[in-house]
């Protein structure tokens, strides 16, 4: 999938309504080596970053639009530009982590999981059971996995770093081939490096279902 020739029509299809003029949230397509991504940001925070072929993307975009009162349109903000620059550096292997202001939504439990995901060093992986243990809820493995799947800010909140039992790749909204490519990229480029250990501040926040 490539960046659409008619972004306004593509955005309207995702939202279920025409893009808003003077919108509070601006959506833009970003090119990456693993396919285009969509970034949705206001002037202070990144609200969504997803691969454009993710099956759940239309539902995510429509939910975000409802939360914003339908005020989602085409455009870029300074946060979009920062996200694009950091993604470019990450894919080039010159930056192991991200430093972006985020607004991922979510419940308190989901945000707890997403905060913990951001502490996993680039180039390493953990299991869902280990993730549940790290948040102090060792019995909540399924809930932790569900929180992974609810993440709407890919890569920055590194849900791809969580594996199933015995290291098995499990469902990833961007496709298992892409999850494998992301893990290989980090292992090759960032093995032994640690991404910024940055807890969410009501503004930041894992794997996709």
Protein backbone atom coordinates (compact mmCIF):
# COMPACT_ATOMS: atom_id res chain seq x y z
CA UNK A 1 0.00 0.00 0.00
CA UNK A 2 1.27 3.46 -0.92
CA UNK A 3 0.36 6.92 0.28
CA UNK A 4 -3.06 7.62 -1.34
CA UNK A 5 -3.21 9.98 -4.33
CA UNK A 6 -6.36 11.55 -2.86
CA UNK A 7 -5.76 11.82 0.90
CA UNK A 8 -9.00 13.74 1.50
CA UNK A 9 -11.12 10.95 -0.02
CA UNK A 10 -9.15 8.29 1.84
CA UNK A 11 -9.53 10.14 5.12
CA UNK A 12 -13.27 10.56 4.53
CA UNK A 13 -13.56 6.80 3.97
CA UNK A 14 -11.73 6.10 7.23
CA UNK A 15 -13.73 8.61 9.25
CA UNK A 16 -17.13 7.95 7.73
CA UNK A 17 -17.56 11.68 7.13
CA UNK A 18 -15.84 14.50 5.27
CA UNK A 19 -12.63 15.86 6.85
CA UNK A 20 -13.34 18.91 8.97
CA UNK A 21 -12.07 22.37 8.10
CA UNK A 22 -9.95 24.04 10.78
CA UNK A 23 -9.96 20.75 12.68
CA UNK A 24 -8.57 20.25 16.16
CA UNK A 25 -6.85 17.04 15.01
CA UNK A 26 -4.80 16.85 11.82
CA UNK A 27 -4.23 13.58 9.95
CA UNK A 28 -1.26 13.00 7.65
CA UNK A 29 0.26 10.02 5.84
CA UNK A 30 3.93 9.29 6.59
CA UNK A 31 6.13 7.11 4.38
CA UNK A 32 8.18 4.33 6.06
CA UNK A 33 10.21 1.37 4.77
CA UNK A 34 7.43 -0.96 5.98
CA UNK A 35 4.59 0.93 4.34
CA UNK A 36 2.74 4.19 4.95
CA UNK A 37 1.52 5.17 8.38
CA UNK A 38 -1.17 7.63 9.44
CA UNK A 39 -0.38 10.15 12.16
CA UNK A 40 -3.12 12.13 13.88
CA UNK A 41 -1.97 14.99 16.09
CA UNK A 42 -2.97 18.32 17.51
CA UNK A 43 -0.44 21.05 18.16
CA UNK A 44 0.73 19.51 21.43
CA UNK A 45 0.24 15.72 21.29
CA UNK A 46 0.23 12.69 19.02
CA UNK A 47 -3.11 10.88 19.24
CA UNK A 48 -2.63 8.06 16.75
CA UNK A 49 0.13 6.47 14.70
CA UNK A 50 -0.83 3.38 12.74
CA UNK A 51 0.15 1.47 9.63
CA UNK A 52 -2.36 2.47 6.99
CA UNK A 53 -3.36 -1.13 6.15
CA UNK A 54 -4.24 -2.07 9.73
CA UNK A 55 -7.70 -3.66 9.64
CA UNK A 56 -8.81 -1.94 12.82
CA UNK A 57 -7.78 1.52 11.55
CA UNK A 58 -11.25 2.66 10.38
CA UNK A 59 -12.76 1.80 13.77
CA UNK A 60 -9.90 3.57 15.55
CA UNK A 61 -10.25 6.67 13.38
CA UNK A 62 -14.03 6.85 13.85
CA UNK A 63 -13.69 6.45 17.60
CA UNK A 64 -11.09 9.20 17.68
CA UNK A 65 -13.32 11.41 15.55
CA UNK A 66 -16.24 10.92 17.94
CA UNK A 67 -14.01 11.80 20.87
CA UNK A 68 -12.95 14.97 19.05
CA UNK A 69 -16.50 15.95 18.15
CA UNK A 70 -15.90 15.19 14.48
CA UNK A 71 -13.06 17.70 14.29
CA UNK A 72 -10.51 15.63 12.35
CA UNK A 73 -9.09 16.99 9.11
CA UNK A 74 -6.10 16.78 6.82
CA UNK A 75 -2.92 18.53 7.81
CA UNK A 76 0.25 18.54 9.83
CA UNK A 77 1.30 20.06 13.13
CA UNK A 78 4.71 20.51 14.76
CA UNK A 79 4.08 17.18 16.52
CA UNK A 80 3.56 15.49 13.14
CA UNK A 81 6.89 16.85 11.95
CA UNK A 82 8.65 15.64 15.10
CA UNK A 83 7.09 12.20 14.75
CA UNK A 84 8.14 11.93 11.11
CA UNK A 85 11.72 12.98 11.88
CA UNK A 86 12.01 10.50 14.74
CA UNK A 87 10.49 7.68 12.69
CA UNK A 88 13.00 8.37 9.91
CA UNK A 89 15.88 8.23 12.38
CA UNK A 90 14.51 5.07 14.00
CA UNK A 91 14.22 3.25 10.69
CA UNK A 92 17.71 4.47 9.74
CA UNK A 93 19.05 2.94 12.95
CA UNK A 94 20.35 6.22 14.34
CA UNK A 95 17.72 6.59 17.07
CA UNK A 96 16.67 3.76 19.42
CA UNK A 97 13.64 5.41 21.00
CA UNK A 98 11.11 8.18 20.76
CA UNK A 99 10.54 11.38 22.69
CA UNK A 100 7.09 12.54 21.70
CA UNK A 101 4.14 13.97 23.68
CA UNK A 102 1.34 11.44 23.43
CA UNK A 103 -2.39 11.20 24.03
CA UNK A 104 -3.29 7.52 23.64
CA UNK A 105 -6.65 7.54 25.39
CA UNK A 106 -7.40 4.31 27.21
CA UNK A 107 -8.41 3.15 30.68
CA UNK A 108 -6.14 3.45 33.71
CA UNK A 109 -5.20 -0.24 33.35
CA UNK A 110 -4.41 0.14 29.66
CA UNK A 111 -2.26 3.17 30.33
CA UNK A 112 -0.39 1.24 33.01
CA UNK A 113 0.38 -1.49 30.47
CA UNK A 114 1.38 1.06 27.84
CA UNK A 115 3.71 2.83 30.23
CA UNK A 116 5.44 -0.48 30.96
CA UNK A 117 5.80 -1.25 27.26
CA UNK A 118 7.78 1.95 26.84
CA UNK A 119 10.30 0.63 29.35
CA UNK A 120 11.20 -2.42 27.24
CA UNK A 121 14.63 -1.71 25.72
CA UNK A 122 14.81 -1.57 21.95
CA UNK A 123 16.27 -4.79 20.60
CA UNK A 124 14.68 -6.98 23.29
CA UNK A 125 11.35 -8.76 23.70
CA UNK A 126 9.30 -10.06 26.63
CA UNK A 127 6.29 -12.36 27.00
CA UNK A 128 2.75 -11.37 27.90
CA UNK A 129 3.20 -13.18 31.21
CA UNK A 130 6.30 -11.11 31.95
CA UNK A 131 4.45 -7.94 31.00
CA UNK A 132 1.66 -8.78 33.47
CA UNK A 133 4.24 -9.53 36.15
CA UNK A 134 6.00 -6.22 35.60
CA UNK A 135 2.83 -4.21 36.17
CA UNK A 136 2.19 -6.09 39.41
CA UNK A 137 -0.75 -8.09 38.00
CA UNK A 138 0.70 -11.56 37.28
CA UNK A 139 -2.74 -13.13 36.87
CA UNK A 140 -3.86 -10.53 34.33
CA UNK A 141 -2.07 -11.98 31.31
CA UNK A 142 -5.11 -11.89 29.05
CA UNK A 143 -6.02 -8.37 30.15
CA UNK A 144 -2.46 -7.21 29.47
CA UNK A 145 -2.61 -8.79 26.00
CA UNK A 146 -5.94 -7.06 25.34
CA UNK A 147 -4.42 -3.73 26.38
CA UNK A 148 -1.63 -4.39 23.89
CA UNK A 149 -4.23 -4.83 21.18
CA UNK A 150 -5.97 -1.59 22.10
CA UNK A 151 -2.87 0.53 21.53
CA UNK A 152 -3.31 3.10 18.76
CA UNK A 153 0.24 4.52 18.74
CA UNK A 154 2.43 1.93 17.03
CA UNK A 155 6.23 1.80 17.39
CA UNK A 156 6.35 4.71 19.84
CA UNK A 157 4.46 2.48 22.26
CA UNK A 158 6.29 -0.70 21.24
CA UNK A 159 3.63 -3.40 21.37
CA UNK A 160 5.64 -5.38 18.83
CA UNK A 161 8.19 -6.22 21.56
CA UNK A 162 5.78 -8.60 23.32
CA UNK A 163 5.71 -12.27 22.26
CA UNK A 164 3.62 -15.29 23.08
CA UNK A 165 4.64 -18.42 24.95
CA UNK A 166 8.09 -19.75 24.03
CA UNK A 167 8.78 -16.63 21.98
CA UNK A 168 6.07 -17.31 19.41
CA UNK A 169 4.91 -14.43 17.22
CA UNK A 170 1.26 -13.68 17.91
CA UNK A 171 -1.40 -11.57 16.24
CA UNK A 172 -0.26 -8.10 15.25
CA UNK A 173 -2.62 -5.63 13.60
CA UNK A 174 0.07 -4.53 11.17
CA UNK A 175 0.68 -8.15 10.09
CA UNK A 176 2.98 -10.81 11.51
CA UNK A 177 5.45 -10.21 8.68
CA UNK A 178 5.75 -6.60 9.81
CA UNK A 179 6.11 -7.54 13.48
CA UNK A 180 8.92 -9.92 12.55
CA UNK A 181 10.58 -7.19 10.47
CA UNK A 182 10.34 -4.70 13.36
CA UNK A 183 11.88 -7.14 15.83
CA UNK A 184 14.67 -8.01 13.39
CA UNK A 185 15.35 -4.34 12.70
CA UNK A 186 15.67 -3.56 16.41
CA UNK A 187 17.80 -6.61 17.11
CA UNK A 188 20.18 -5.73 14.27
CA UNK A 189 20.34 -2.00 14.97
CA UNK A 190 19.73 -1.56 18.67
CA UNK A 191 20.70 -4.77 20.41
CA UNK A 192 21.99 -3.76 23.85
CA UNK A 193 20.61 -0.23 23.58
CA UNK A 194 17.80 1.06 25.75
CA UNK A 195 14.97 3.24 24.54
CA UNK A 196 14.10 6.27 26.68
CA UNK A 197 12.52 5.13 29.96
CA UNK A 198 9.70 7.61 29.87
CA UNK A 199 6.49 7.05 31.80
CA UNK A 200 3.30 8.47 30.36
CA UNK A 201 2.13 11.75 31.79
CA UNK A 202 -1.50 11.53 30.79
CA UNK A 203 0.03 12.13 27.43
CA UNK A 204 1.82 9.00 26.42
CA UNK A 205 1.41 5.36 26.14
CA UNK A 206 1.77 -1.61 23.18
CA UNK A 207 0.93 -4.99 20.51
CA UNK A 208 -1.93 -4.98 18.20
CA UNK A 209 -4.77 -7.43 17.99
